[in-house]
Amino acid sequence: RMLRGGWQNWYLPYDIIHYKGKSTQ
């Protein structure tokens, strides 16, 4: 919906750690 609304979506090379799979199985 952001894209359809004319906005830009950006990936930025700044870091987080995501312990993926720890909050869901």
PDBML (XML) file of the C-alpha atoms, coordinates in Angstrom:
<?xml version="1.0" encoding="UTF-8" ?>
<PDBx:datablock datablockName="MODEL"
   xmlns:PDBx="http://pdbml.pdb.org/schema/pdbx-v50.xsd"
   xmlns:xsi="http://www.w3.org/2001/XMLSchema-instance"
   xsi:schemaLocation="http://pdbml.pdb.org/schema/pdbx-v50.xsd pdbx-v50.xsd">
   <PDBx:atom_siteCategory>
      <PDBx:atom_site id="1">
         <PDBx:B_iso_or_equiv>0.00</PDBx:B_iso_or_equiv>
         <PDBx:Cartn_x>0.000</PDBx:Cartn_x>
         <PDBx:Cartn_y>0.000</PDBx:Cartn_y>
         <PDBx:Cartn_z>0.000</PDBx:Cartn_z>
         <PDBx:auth_asym_id>A</PDBx:auth_asym_id>
         <PDBx:auth_atom_id>CA</PDBx:auth_atom_id>
         <PDBx:auth_comp_id>ARG</PDBx:auth_comp_id>
         <PDBx:auth_seq_id>1</PDBx:auth_seq_id>
         <PDBx:group_PDB>ATOM</PDBx:group_PDB>
         <PDBx:label_alt_id xsi:nil="true" />
         <PDBx:label_asym_id>A</PDBx:label_asym_id>
         <PDBx:label_atom_id>CA</PDBx:label_atom_id>
         <PDBx:label_comp_id>ARG</PDBx:label_comp_id>
         <PDBx:label_entity_id>1</PDBx:label_entity_id>
         <PDBx:label_seq_id>1</PDBx:label_seq_id>
         <PDBx:occupancy>1.00</PDBx:occupancy>
         <PDBx:pdbx_PDB_model_num>1</PDBx:pdbx_PDB_model_num>
         <PDBx:type_symbol>C</PDBx:type_symbol>
      </PDBx:atom_site>
      <PDBx:atom_site id="2">
         <PDBx:B_iso_or_equiv>0.00</PDBx:B_iso_or_equiv>
         <PDBx:Cartn_x>2.978</PDBx:Cartn_x>
         <PDBx:Cartn_y>2.335</PDBx:Cartn_y>
         <PDBx:Cartn_z>0.557</PDBx:Cartn_z>
         <PDBx:auth_asym_id>A</PDBx:auth_asym_id>
         <PDBx:auth_atom_id>CA</PDBx:auth_atom_id>
         <PDBx:auth_comp_id>MET</PDBx:auth_comp_id>
         <PDBx:auth_seq_id>2</PDBx:auth_seq_id>
         <PDBx:group_PDB>ATOM</PDBx:group_PDB>
         <PDBx:label_alt_id xsi:nil="true" />
         <PDBx:label_asym_id>A</PDBx:label_asym_id>
         <PDBx:label_atom_id>CA</PDBx:label_atom_id>
         <PDBx:label_comp_id>MET</PDBx:label_comp_id>
         <PDBx:label_entity_id>1</PDBx:label_entity_id>
         <PDBx:label_seq_id>2</PDBx:label_seq_id>
         <PDBx:occupancy>1.00</PDBx:occupancy>
         <PDBx:pdbx_PDB_model_num>1</PDBx:pdbx_PDB_model_num>
         <PDBx:type_symbol>C</PDBx:type_symbol>
      </PDBx:atom_site>
      <PDBx:atom_site id="3">
         <PDBx:B_iso_or_equiv>0.00</PDBx:B_iso_or_equiv>
         <PDBx:Cartn_x>4.117</PDBx:Cartn_x>
         <PDBx:Cartn_y>1.746</PDBx:Cartn_y>
         <PDBx:Cartn_z>-3.012</PDBx:Cartn_z>
         <PDBx:auth_asym_id>A</PDBx:auth_asym_id>
         <PDBx:auth_atom_id>CA</PDBx:auth_atom_id>
         <PDBx:auth_comp_id>LEU</PDBx:auth_comp_id>
         <PDBx:auth_seq_id>3</PDBx:auth_seq_id>
         <PDBx:group_PDB>ATOM</PDBx:group_PDB>
         <PDBx:label_alt_id xsi:nil="true" />
         <PDBx:label_asym_id>A</PDBx:label_asym_id>
         <PDBx:label_atom_id>CA</PDBx:label_atom_id>
         <PDBx:label_comp_id>LEU</PDBx:label_comp_id>
         <PDBx:label_entity_id>1</PDBx:label_entity_id>
         <PDBx:label_seq_id>3</PDBx:label_seq_id>
         <PDBx:occupancy>1.00</PDBx:occupancy>
         <PDBx:pdbx_PDB_model_num>1</PDBx:pdbx_PDB_model_num>
         <PDBx:type_symbol>C</PDBx:type_symbol>
      </PDBx:atom_site>
      <PDBx:atom_site id="4">
         <PDBx:B_iso_or_equiv>0.00</PDBx:B_iso_or_equiv>
         <PDBx:Cartn_x>0.617</PDBx:Cartn_x>
         <PDBx:Cartn_y>2.208</PDBx:Cartn_y>
         <PDBx:Cartn_z>-4.389</PDBx:Cartn_z>
         <PDBx:auth_asym_id>A</PDBx:auth_asym_id>
         <PDBx:auth_atom_id>CA</PDBx:auth_atom_id>
         <PDBx:auth_comp_id>ARG</PDBx:auth_comp_id>
         <PDBx:auth_seq_id>4</PDBx:auth_seq_id>
         <PDBx:group_PDB>ATOM</PDBx:group_PDB>
         <PDBx:label_alt_id xsi:nil="true" />
         <PDBx:label_asym_id>A</PDBx:label_asym_id>
         <PDBx:label_atom_id>CA</PDBx:label_atom_id>
         <PDBx:label_comp_id>ARG</PDBx:label_comp_id>
         <PDBx:label_entity_id>1</PDBx:label_entity_id>
         <PDBx:label_seq_id>4</PDBx:label_seq_id>
         <PDBx:occupancy>1.00</PDBx:occupancy>
         <PDBx:pdbx_PDB_model_num>1</PDBx:pdbx_PDB_model_num>
         <PDBx:type_symbol>C</PDBx:type_symbol>
      </PDBx:atom_site>
      <PDBx:atom_site id="5">
         <PDBx:B_iso_or_equiv>0.00</PDBx:B_iso_or_equiv>
         <PDBx:Cartn_x>0.351</PDBx:Cartn_x>
         <PDBx:Cartn_y>5.438</PDBx:Cartn_y>
         <PDBx:Cartn_z>-2.406</PDBx:Cartn_z>
         <PDBx:auth_asym_id>A</PDBx:auth_asym_id>
         <PDBx:auth_atom_id>CA</PDBx:auth_atom_id>
         <PDBx:auth_comp_id>GLY</PDBx:auth_comp_id>
         <PDBx:auth_seq_id>5</PDBx:auth_seq_id>
         <PDBx:group_PDB>ATOM</PDBx:group_PDB>
         <PDBx:label_alt_id xsi:nil="true" />
         <PDBx:label_asym_id>A</PDBx:label_asym_id>
         <PDBx:label_atom_id>CA</PDBx:label_atom_id>
         <PDBx:label_comp_id>GLY</PDBx:label_comp_id>
         <PDBx:label_entity_id>1</PDBx:label_entity_id>
         <PDBx:label_seq_id>5</PDBx:label_seq_id>
         <PDBx:occupancy>1.00</PDBx:occupancy>
         <PDBx:pdbx_PDB_model_num>1</PDBx:pdbx_PDB_model_num>
         <PDBx:type_symbol>C</PDBx:type_symbol>
      </PDBx:atom_site>
      <PDBx:atom_site id="6">
         <PDBx:B_iso_or_equiv>0.00</PDBx:B_iso_or_equiv>
         <PDBx:Cartn_x>3.400</PDBx:Cartn_x>
         <PDBx:Cartn_y>6.853</PDBx:Cartn_y>
         <PDBx:Cartn_z>-4.170</PDBx:Cartn_z>
         <PDBx:auth_asym_id>A</PDBx:auth_asym_id>
         <PDBx:auth_atom_id>CA</PDBx:auth_atom_id>
         <PDBx:auth_comp_id>GLY</PDBx:auth_comp_id>
         <PDBx:auth_seq_id>6</PDBx:auth_seq_id>
         <PDBx:group_PDB>ATOM</PDBx:group_PDB>
         <PDBx:label_alt_id xsi:nil="true" />
         <PDBx:label_asym_id>A</PDBx:label_asym_id>
         <PDBx:label_atom_id>CA</PDBx:label_atom_id>
         <PDBx:label_comp_id>GLY</PDBx:label_comp_id>
         <PDBx:label_entity_id>1</PDBx:label_entity_id>
         <PDBx:label_seq_id>6</PDBx:label_seq_id>
         <PDBx:occupancy>1.00</PDBx:occupancy>
         <PDBx:pdbx_PDB_model_num>1</PDBx:pdbx_PDB_model_num>
         <PDBx:type_symbol>C</PDBx:type_symbol>
      </PDBx:atom_site>
      <PDBx:atom_site id="7">
         <PDBx:B_iso_or_equiv>0.00</PDBx:B_iso_or_equiv>
         <PDBx:Cartn_x>5.896</PDBx:Cartn_x>
         <PDBx:Cartn_y>6.358</PDBx:Cartn_y>
         <PDBx:Cartn_z>-1.331</PDBx:Cartn_z>
         <PDBx:auth_asym_id>A</PDBx:auth_asym_id>
         <PDBx:auth_atom_id>CA</PDBx:auth_atom_id>
         <PDBx:auth_comp_id>TRP</PDBx:auth_comp_id>
         <PDBx:auth_seq_id>7</PDBx:auth_seq_id>
         <PDBx:group_PDB>ATOM</PDBx:group_PDB>
         <PDBx:label_alt_id xsi:nil="true" />
         <PDBx:label_asym_id>A</PDBx:label_asym_id>
         <PDBx:label_atom_id>CA</PDBx:label_atom_id>
         <PDBx:label_comp_id>TRP</PDBx:label_comp_id>
         <PDBx:label_entity_id>1</PDBx:label_entity_id>
         <PDBx:label_seq_id>7</PDBx:label_seq_id>
         <PDBx:occupancy>1.00</PDBx:occupancy>
         <PDBx:pdbx_PDB_model_num>1</PDBx:pdbx_PDB_model_num>
         <PDBx:type_symbol>C</PDBx:type_symbol>
      </PDBx:atom_site>
      <PDBx:atom_site id="8">
         <PDBx:B_iso_or_equiv>0.00</PDBx:B_iso_or_equiv>
         <PDBx:Cartn_x>9.296</PDBx:Cartn_x>
         <PDBx:Cartn_y>4.700</PDBx:Cartn_y>
         <PDBx:Cartn_z>-1.508</PDBx:Cartn_z>
         <PDBx:auth_asym_id>A</PDBx:auth_asym_id>
         <PDBx:auth_atom_id>CA</PDBx:auth_atom_id>
         <PDBx:auth_comp_id>GLN</PDBx:auth_comp_id>
         <PDBx:auth_seq_id>8</PDBx:auth_seq_id>
         <PDBx:group_PDB>ATOM</PDBx:group_PDB>
         <PDBx:label_alt_id xsi:nil="true" />
         <PDBx:label_asym_id>A</PDBx:label_asym_id>
         <PDBx:label_atom_id>CA</PDBx:label_atom_id>
         <PDBx:label_comp_id>GLN</PDBx:label_comp_id>
         <PDBx:label_entity_id>1</PDBx:label_entity_id>
         <PDBx:label_seq_id>8</PDBx:label_seq_id>
         <PDBx:occupancy>1.00</PDBx:occupancy>
         <PDBx:pdbx_PDB_model_num>1</PDBx:pdbx_PDB_model_num>
         <PDBx:type_symbol>C</PDBx:type_symbol>
      </PDBx:atom_site>
      <PDBx:atom_site id="9">
         <PDBx:B_iso_or_equiv>0.00</PDBx:B_iso_or_equiv>
         <PDBx:Cartn_x>10.338</PDBx:Cartn_x>
         <PDBx:Cartn_y>1.676</PDBx:Cartn_y>
         <PDBx:Cartn_z>0.562</PDBx:Cartn_z>
         <PDBx:auth_asym_id>A</PDBx:auth_asym_id>
         <PDBx:auth_atom_id>CA</PDBx:auth_atom_id>
         <PDBx:auth_comp_id>ASN</PDBx:auth_comp_id>
         <PDBx:auth_seq_id>9</PDBx:auth_seq_id>
         <PDBx:group_PDB>ATOM</PDBx:group_PDB>
         <PDBx:label_alt_id xsi:nil="true" />
         <PDBx:label_asym_id>A</PDBx:label_asym_id>
         <PDBx:label_atom_id>CA</PDBx:label_atom_id>
         <PDBx:label_comp_id>ASN</PDBx:label_comp_id>
         <PDBx:label_entity_id>1</PDBx:label_entity_id>
         <PDBx:label_seq_id>9</PDBx:label_seq_id>
         <PDBx:occupancy>1.00</PDBx:occupancy>
         <PDBx:pdbx_PDB_model_num>1</PDBx:pdbx_PDB_model_num>
         <PDBx:type_symbol>C</PDBx:type_symbol>
      </PDBx:atom_site>
      <PDBx:atom_site id="10">
         <PDBx:B_iso_or_equiv>0.00</PDBx:B_iso_or_equiv>
         <PDBx:Cartn_x>14.031</PDBx:Cartn_x>
         <PDBx:Cartn_y>1.538</PDBx:Cartn_y>
         <PDBx:Cartn_z>1.481</PDBx:Cartn_z>
         <PDBx:auth_asym_id>A</PDBx:auth_asym_id>
         <PDBx:auth_atom_id>CA</PDBx:auth_atom_id>
         <PDBx:auth_comp_id>TRP</PDBx:auth_comp_id>
         <PDBx:auth_seq_id>10</PDBx:auth_seq_id>
         <PDBx:group_PDB>ATOM</PDBx:group_PDB>
         <PDBx:label_alt_id xsi:nil="true" />
         <PDBx:label_asym_id>A</PDBx:label_asym_id>
         <PDBx:label_atom_id>CA</PDBx:label_atom_id>
         <PDBx:label_comp_id>TRP</PDBx:label_comp_id>
         <PDBx:label_entity_id>1</PDBx:label_entity_id>
         <PDBx:label_seq_id>10</PDBx:label_seq_id>
         <PDBx:occupancy>1.00</PDBx:occupancy>
         <PDBx:pdbx_PDB_model_num>1</PDBx:pdbx_PDB_model_num>
         <PDBx:type_symbol>C</PDBx:type_symbol>
      </PDBx:atom_site>
      <PDBx:atom_site id="11">
         <PDBx:B_iso_or_equiv>0.00</PDBx:B_iso_or_equiv>
         <PDBx:Cartn_x>16.511</PDBx:Cartn_x>
         <PDBx:Cartn_y>-1.040</PDBx:Cartn_y>
         <PDBx:Cartn_z>2.704</PDBx:Cartn_z>
         <PDBx:auth_asym_id>A</PDBx:auth_asym_id>
         <PDBx:auth_atom_id>CA</PDBx:auth_atom_id>
         <PDBx:auth_comp_id>TYR</PDBx:auth_comp_id>
         <PDBx:auth_seq_id>11</PDBx:auth_seq_id>
         <PDBx:group_PDB>ATOM</PDBx:group_PDB>
         <PDBx:label_alt_id xsi:nil="true" />
         <PDBx:label_asym_id>A</PDBx:label_asym_id>
         <PDBx:label_atom_id>CA</PDBx:label_atom_id>
         <PDBx:label_comp_id>TYR</PDBx:label_comp_id>
         <PDBx:label_entity_id>1</PDBx:label_entity_id>
         <PDBx:label_seq_id>11</PDBx:label_seq_id>
         <PDBx:occupancy>1.00</PDBx:occupancy>
         <PDBx:pdbx_PDB_model_num>1</PDBx:pdbx_PDB_model_num>
         <PDBx:type_symbol>C</PDBx:type_symbol>
      </PDBx:atom_site>
      <PDBx:atom_site id="12">
         <PDBx:B_iso_or_equiv>0.00</PDBx:B_iso_or_equiv>
         <PDBx:Cartn_x>19.284</PDBx:Cartn_x>
         <PDBx:Cartn_y>0.566</PDBx:Cartn_y>
         <PDBx:Cartn_z>4.799</PDBx:Cartn_z>
         <PDBx:auth_asym_id>A</PDBx:auth_asym_id>
         <PDBx:auth_atom_id>CA</PDBx:auth_atom_id>
         <PDBx:auth_comp_id>LEU</PDBx:auth_comp_id>
         <PDBx:auth_seq_id>12</PDBx:auth_seq_id>
         <PDBx:group_PDB>ATOM</PDBx:group_PDB>
         <PDBx:label_alt_id xsi:nil="true" />
         <PDBx:label_asym_id>A</PDBx:label_asym_id>
         <PDBx:label_atom_id>CA</PDBx:label_atom_id>
         <PDBx:label_comp_id>LEU</PDBx:label_comp_id>
         <PDBx:label_entity_id>1</PDBx:label_entity_id>
         <PDBx:label_seq_id>12</PDBx:label_seq_id>
         <PDBx:occupancy>1.00</PDBx:occupancy>
         <PDBx:pdbx_PDB_model_num>1</PDBx:pdbx_PDB_model_num>
         <PDBx:type_symbol>C</PDBx:type_symbol>
      </PDBx:atom_site>
      <PDBx:atom_site id="13">
         <PDBx:B_iso_or_equiv>0.00</PDBx:B_iso_or_equiv>
         <PDBx:Cartn_x>22.606</PDBx:Cartn_x>
         <PDBx:Cartn_y>-1.140</PDBx:Cartn_y>
         <PDBx:Cartn_z>5.663</PDBx:Cartn_z>
         <PDBx:auth_asym_id>A</PDBx:auth_asym_id>
         <PDBx:auth_atom_id>CA</PDBx:auth_atom_id>
         <PDBx:auth_comp_id>PRO</PDBx:auth_comp_id>
         <PDBx:auth_seq_id>13</PDBx:auth_seq_id>
         <PDBx:group_PDB>ATOM</PDBx:group_PDB>
         <PDBx:label_alt_id xsi:nil="true" />
         <PDBx:label_asym_id>A</PDBx:label_asym_id>
         <PDBx:label_atom_id>CA</PDBx:label_atom_id>
         <PDBx:label_comp_id>PRO</PDBx:label_comp_id>
         <PDBx:label_entity_id>1</PDBx:label_entity_id>
         <PDBx:label_seq_id>13</PDBx:label_seq_id>
         <PDBx:occupancy>1.00</PDBx:occupancy>
         <PDBx:pdbx_PDB_model_num>1</PDBx:pdbx_PDB_model_num>
         <PDBx:type_symbol>C</PDBx:type_symbol>
      </PDBx:atom_site>
      <PDBx:atom_site id="14">
         <PDBx:B_iso_or_equiv>0.00</PDBx:B_iso_or_equiv>
         <PDBx:Cartn_x>22.299</PDBx:Cartn_x>
         <PDBx:Cartn_y>-0.661</PDBx:Cartn_y>
         <PDBx:Cartn_z>9.426</PDBx:Cartn_z>
         <PDBx:auth_asym_id>A</PDBx:auth_asym_id>
         <PDBx:auth_atom_id>CA</PDBx:auth_atom_id>
         <PDBx:auth_comp_id>TYR</PDBx:auth_comp_id>
         <PDBx:auth_seq_id>14</PDBx:auth_seq_id>
         <PDBx:group_PDB>ATOM</PDBx:group_PDB>
         <PDBx:label_alt_id xsi:nil="true" />
         <PDBx:label_asym_id>A</PDBx:label_asym_id>
         <PDBx:label_atom_id>CA</PDBx:label_atom_id>
         <PDBx:label_comp_id>TYR</PDBx:label_comp_id>
         <PDBx:label_entity_id>1</PDBx:label_entity_id>
         <PDBx:label_seq_id>14</PDBx:label_seq_id>
         <PDBx:occupancy>1.00</PDBx:occupancy>
         <PDBx:pdbx_PDB_model_num>1</PDBx:pdbx_PDB_model_num>
         <PDBx:type_symbol>C</PDBx:type_symbol>
      </PDBx:atom_site>
      <PDBx:atom_site id="15">
         <PDBx:B_iso_or_equiv>0.00</PDBx:B_iso_or_equiv>
         <PDBx:Cartn_x>22.201</PDBx:Cartn_x>
         <PDBx:Cartn_y>-3.693</PDBx:Cartn_y>
         <PDBx:Cartn_z>11.662</PDBx:Cartn_z>
         <PDBx:auth_asym_id>A</PDBx:auth_asym_id>
         <PDBx:auth_atom_id>CA</PDBx:auth_atom_id>
         <PDBx:auth_comp_id>ASP</PDBx:auth_comp_id>
         <PDBx:auth_seq_id>15</PDBx:auth_seq_id>
         <PDBx:group_PDB>ATOM</PDBx:group_PDB>
         <PDBx:label_alt_id xsi:nil="true" />
         <PDBx:label_asym_id>A</PDBx:label_asym_id>
         <PDBx:label_atom_id>CA</PDBx:label_atom_id>
         <PDBx:label_comp_id>ASP</PDBx:label_comp_id>
         <PDBx:label_entity_id>1</PDBx:label_entity_id>
         <PDBx:label_seq_id>15</PDBx:label_seq_id>
         <PDBx:occupancy>1.00</PDBx:occupancy>
         <PDBx:pdbx_PDB_model_num>1</PDBx:pdbx_PDB_model_num>
         <PDBx:type_symbol>C</PDBx:type_symbol>
      </PDBx:atom_site>
      <PDBx:atom_site id="16">
         <PDBx:B_iso_or_equiv>0.00</PDBx:B_iso_or_equiv>
         <PDBx:Cartn_x>19.968</PDBx:Cartn_x>
         <PDBx:Cartn_y>-5.494</PDBx:Cartn_y>
         <PDBx:Cartn_z>14.081</PDBx:Cartn_z>
         <PDBx:auth_asym_id>A</PDBx:auth_asym_id>
         <PDBx:auth_atom_id>CA</PDBx:auth_atom_id>
         <PDBx:auth_comp_id>ILE</PDBx:auth_comp_id>
         <PDBx:auth_seq_id>16</PDBx:auth_seq_id>
         <PDBx:group_PDB>ATOM</PDBx:group_PDB>
         <PDBx:label_alt_id xsi:nil="true" />
         <PDBx:label_asym_id>A</PDBx:label_asym_id>
         <PDBx:label_atom_id>CA</PDBx:label_atom_id>
         <PDBx:label_comp_id>ILE</PDBx:label_comp_id>
         <PDBx:label_entity_id>1</PDBx:label_entity_id>
         <PDBx:label_seq_id>16</PDBx:label_seq_id>
         <PDBx:occupancy>1.00</PDBx:occupancy>
         <PDBx:pdbx_PDB_model_num>1</PDBx:pdbx_PDB_model_num>
         <PDBx:type_symbol>C</PDBx:type_symbol>
      </PDBx:atom_site>
      <PDBx:atom_site id="17">
         <PDBx:B_iso_or_equiv>0.00</PDBx:B_iso_or_equiv>
         <PDBx:Cartn_x>20.116</PDBx:Cartn_x>
         <PDBx:Cartn_y>-9.095</PDBx:Cartn_y>
         <PDBx:Cartn_z>15.219</PDBx:Cartn_z>
         <PDBx:auth_asym_id>A</PDBx:auth_asym_id>
         <PDBx:auth_atom_id>CA</PDBx:auth_atom_id>
         <PDBx:auth_comp_id>ILE</PDBx:auth_comp_id>
         <PDBx:auth_seq_id>17</PDBx:auth_seq_id>
         <PDBx:group_PDB>ATOM</PDBx:group_PDB>
         <PDBx:label_alt_id xsi:nil="true" />
         <PDBx:label_asym_id>A</PDBx:label_asym_id>
         <PDBx:label_atom_id>CA</PDBx:label_atom_id>
         <PDBx:label_comp_id>ILE</PDBx:label_comp_id>
         <PDBx:label_entity_id>1</PDBx:label_entity_id>
         <PDBx:label_seq_id>17</PDBx:label_seq_id>
         <PDBx:occupancy>1.00</PDBx:occupancy>
         <PDBx:pdbx_PDB_model_num>1</PDBx:pdbx_PDB_model_num>
         <PDBx:type_symbol>C</PDBx:type_symbol>
      </PDBx:atom_site>
      <PDBx:atom_site id="18">
         <PDBx:B_iso_or_equiv>0.00</PDBx:B_iso_or_equiv>
         <PDBx:Cartn_x>16.893</PDBx:Cartn_x>
         <PDBx:Cartn_y>-11.008</PDBx:Cartn_y>
         <PDBx:Cartn_z>14.667</PDBx:Cartn_z>
         <PDBx:auth_asym_id>A</PDBx:auth_asym_id>
         <PDBx:auth_atom_id>CA</PDBx:auth_atom_id>
         <PDBx:auth_comp_id>HIS</PDBx:auth_comp_id>
         <PDBx:auth_seq_id>18</PDBx:auth_seq_id>
         <PDBx:group_PDB>ATOM</PDBx:group_PDB>
         <PDBx:label_alt_id xsi:nil="true" />
         <PDBx:label_asym_id>A</PDBx:label_asym_id>
         <PDBx:label_atom_id>CA</PDBx:label_atom_id>
         <PDBx:label_comp_id>HIS</PDBx:label_comp_id>
         <PDBx:label_entity_id>1</PDBx:label_entity_id>
         <PDBx:label_seq_id>18</PDBx:label_seq_id>
         <PDBx:occupancy>1.00</PDBx:occupancy>
         <PDBx:pdbx_PDB_model_num>1</PDBx:pdbx_PDB_model_num>
         <PDBx:type_symbol>C</PDBx:type_symbol>
      </PDBx:atom_site>
      <PDBx:atom_site id="19">
         <PDBx:B_iso_or_equiv>0.00</PDBx:B_iso_or_equiv>
         <PDBx:Cartn_x>16.640</PDBx:Cartn_x>
         <PDBx:Cartn_y>-14.223</PDBx:Cartn_y>
         <PDBx:Cartn_z>16.646</PDBx:Cartn_z>
         <PDBx:auth_asym_id>A</PDBx:auth_asym_id>
         <PDBx:auth_atom_id>CA</PDBx:auth_atom_id>
         <PDBx:auth_comp_id>TYR</PDBx:auth_comp_id>
         <PDBx:auth_seq_id>19</PDBx:auth_seq_id>
         <PDBx:group_PDB>ATOM</PDBx:group_PDB>
         <PDBx:label_alt_id xsi:nil="true" />
         <PDBx:label_asym_id>A</PDBx:label_asym_id>
         <PDBx:label_atom_id>CA</PDBx:label_atom_id>
         <PDBx:label_comp_id>TYR</PDBx:label_comp_id>
         <PDBx:label_entity_id>1</PDBx:label_entity_id>
         <PDBx:label_seq_id>19</PDBx:label_seq_id>
         <PDBx:occupancy>1.00</PDBx:occupancy>
         <PDBx:pdbx_PDB_model_num>1</PDBx:pdbx_PDB_model_num>
         <PDBx:type_symbol>C</PDBx:type_symbol>
      </PDBx:atom_site>
      <PDBx:atom_site id="20">
         <PDBx:B_iso_or_equiv>0.00</PDBx:B_iso_or_equiv>
         <PDBx:Cartn_x>14.204</PDBx:Cartn_x>
         <PDBx:Cartn_y>-15.551</PDBx:Cartn_y>
         <PDBx:Cartn_z>14.087</PDBx:Cartn_z>
         <PDBx:auth_asym_id>A</PDBx:auth_asym_id>
         <PDBx:auth_atom_id>CA</PDBx:auth_atom_id>
         <PDBx:auth_comp_id>LYS</PDBx:auth_comp_id>
         <PDBx:auth_seq_id>20</PDBx:auth_seq_id>
         <PDBx:group_PDB>ATOM</PDBx:group_PDB>
         <PDBx:label_alt_id xsi:nil="true" />
         <PDBx:label_asym_id>A</PDBx:label_asym_id>
         <PDBx:label_atom_id>CA</PDBx:label_atom_id>
         <PDBx:label_comp_id>LYS</PDBx:label_comp_id>
         <PDBx:label_entity_id>1</PDBx:label_entity_id>
         <PDBx:label_seq_id>20</PDBx:label_seq_id>
         <PDBx:occupancy>1.00</PDBx:occupancy>
         <PDBx:pdbx_PDB_model_num>1</PDBx:pdbx_PDB_model_num>
         <PDBx:type_symbol>C</PDBx:type_symbol>
      </PDBx:atom_site>
      <PDBx:atom_site id="21">
         <PDBx:B_iso_or_equiv>0.00</PDBx:B_iso_or_equiv>
         <PDBx:Cartn_x>12.275</PDBx:Cartn_x>
         <PDBx:Cartn_y>-18.562</PDBx:Cartn_y>
         <PDBx:Cartn_z>15.271</PDBx:Cartn_z>
         <PDBx:auth_asym_id>A</PDBx:auth_asym_id>
         <PDBx:auth_atom_id>CA</PDBx:auth_atom_id>
         <PDBx:auth_comp_id>GLY</PDBx:auth_comp_id>
         <PDBx:auth_seq_id>21</PDBx:auth_seq_id>
         <PDBx:group_PDB>ATOM</PDBx:group_PDB>
         <PDBx:label_alt_id xsi:nil="true" />
         <PDBx:label_asym_id>A</PDBx:label_asym_id>
         <PDBx:label_atom_id>CA</PDBx:label_atom_id>
         <PDBx:label_comp_id>GLY</PDBx:label_comp_id>
         <PDBx:label_entity_id>1</PDBx:label_entity_id>
         <PDBx:label_seq_id>21</PDBx:label_seq_id>
         <PDBx:occupancy>1.00</PDBx:occupancy>
         <PDBx:pdbx_PDB_model_num>1</PDBx:pdbx_PDB_model_num>
         <PDBx:type_symbol>C</PDBx:type_symbol>
      </PDBx:atom_site>
      <PDBx:atom_site id="22">
         <PDBx:B_iso_or_equiv>0.00</PDBx:B_iso_or_equiv>
         <PDBx:Cartn_x>12.504</PDBx:Cartn_x>
         <PDBx:Cartn_y>-17.637</PDBx:Cartn_y>
         <PDBx:Cartn_z>18.955</PDBx:Cartn_z>
         <PDBx:auth_asym_id>A</PDBx:auth_asym_id>
         <PDBx:auth_atom_id>CA</PDBx:auth_atom_id>
         <PDBx:auth_comp_id>LYS</PDBx:auth_comp_id>
         <PDBx:auth_seq_id>22</PDBx:auth_seq_id>
         <PDBx:group_PDB>ATOM</PDBx:group_PDB>
         <PDBx:label_alt_id xsi:nil="true" />
         <PDBx:label_asym_id>A</PDBx:label_asym_id>
         <PDBx:label_atom_id>CA</PDBx:label_atom_id>
         <PDBx:label_comp_id>LYS</PDBx:label_comp_id>
         <PDBx:label_entity_id>1</PDBx:label_entity_id>
         <PDBx:label_seq_id>22</PDBx:label_seq_id>
         <PDBx:occupancy>1.00</PDBx:occupancy>
         <PDBx:pdbx_PDB_model_num>1</PDBx:pdbx_PDB_model_num>
         <PDBx:type_symbol>C</PDBx:type_symbol>
      </PDBx:atom_site>
      <PDBx:atom_site id="23">
         <PDBx:B_iso_or_equiv>0.00</PDBx:B_iso_or_equiv>
         <PDBx:Cartn_x>9.141</PDBx:Cartn_x>
         <PDBx:Cartn_y>-15.878</PDBx:Cartn_y>
         <PDBx:Cartn_z>19.056</PDBx:Cartn_z>
         <PDBx:auth_asym_id>A</PDBx:auth_asym_id>
         <PDBx:auth_atom_id>CA</PDBx:auth_atom_id>
         <PDBx:auth_comp_id>SER</PDBx:auth_comp_id>
         <PDBx:auth_seq_id>23</PDBx:auth_seq_id>
         <PDBx:group_PDB>ATOM</PDBx:group_PDB>
         <PDBx:label_alt_id xsi:nil="true" />
         <PDBx:label_asym_id>A</PDBx:label_asym_id>
         <PDBx:label_atom_id>CA</PDBx:label_atom_id>
         <PDBx:label_comp_id>SER</PDBx:label_comp_id>
         <PDBx:label_entity_id>1</PDBx:label_entity_id>
         <PDBx:label_seq_id>23</PDBx:label_seq_id>
         <PDBx:occupancy>1.00</PDBx:occupancy>
         <PDBx:pdbx_PDB_model_num>1</PDBx:pdbx_PDB_model_num>
         <PDBx:type_symbol>C</PDBx:type_symbol>
      </PDBx:atom_site>
      <PDBx:atom_site id="24">
         <PDBx:B_iso_or_equiv>0.00</PDBx:B_iso_or_equiv>
         <PDBx:Cartn_x>7.497</PDBx:Cartn_x>
         <PDBx:Cartn_y>-18.371</PDBx:Cartn_y>
         <PDBx:Cartn_z>16.667</PDBx:Cartn_z>
         <PDBx:auth_asym_id>A</PDBx:auth_asym_id>
         <PDBx:auth_atom_id>CA</PDBx:auth_atom_id>
         <PDBx:auth_comp_id>THR</PDBx:auth_comp_id>
         <PDBx:auth_seq_id>24</PDBx:auth_seq_id>
         <PDBx:group_PDB>ATOM</PDBx:group_PDB>
         <PDBx:label_alt_id xsi:nil="true" />
         <PDBx:label_asym_id>A</PDBx:label_asym_id>
         <PDBx:label_atom_id>CA</PDBx:label_atom_id>
         <PDBx:label_comp_id>THR</PDBx:label_comp_id>
         <PDBx:label_entity_id>1</PDBx:label_entity_id>
         <PDBx:label_seq_id>24</PDBx:label_seq_id>
         <PDBx:occupancy>1.00</PDBx:occupancy>
         <PDBx:pdbx_PDB_model_num>1</PDBx:pdbx_PDB_model_num>
         <PDBx:type_symbol>C</PDBx:type_symbol>
      </PDBx:atom_site>
      <PDBx:atom_site id="25">
         <PDBx:B_iso_or_equiv>0.00</PDBx:B_iso_or_equiv>
         <PDBx:Cartn_x>8.019</PDBx:Cartn_x>
         <PDBx:Cartn_y>-22.006</PDBx:Cartn_y>
         <PDBx:Cartn_z>15.811</PDBx:Cartn_z>
         <PDBx:auth_asym_id>A</PDBx:auth_asym_id>
         <PDBx:auth_atom_id>CA</PDBx:auth_atom_id>
         <PDBx:auth_comp_id>GLN</PDBx:auth_comp_id>
         <PDBx:auth_seq_id>25</PDBx:auth_seq_id>
         <PDBx:group_PDB>ATOM</PDBx:group_PDB>
         <PDBx:label_alt_id xsi:nil="true" />
         <PDBx:label_asym_id>A</PDBx:label_asym_id>
         <PDBx:label_atom_id>CA</PDBx:label_atom_id>
         <PDBx:label_comp_id>GLN</PDBx:label_comp_id>
         <PDBx:label_entity_id>1</PDBx:label_entity_id>
         <PDBx:label_seq_id>25</PDBx:label_seq_id>
         <PDBx:occupancy>1.00</PDBx:occupancy>
         <PDBx:pdbx_PDB_model_num>1</PDBx:pdbx_PDB_model_num>
         <PDBx:type_symbol>C</PDBx:type_symbol>
      </PDBx:atom_site>
   </PDBx:atom_siteCategory>
</PDBx:datablock>
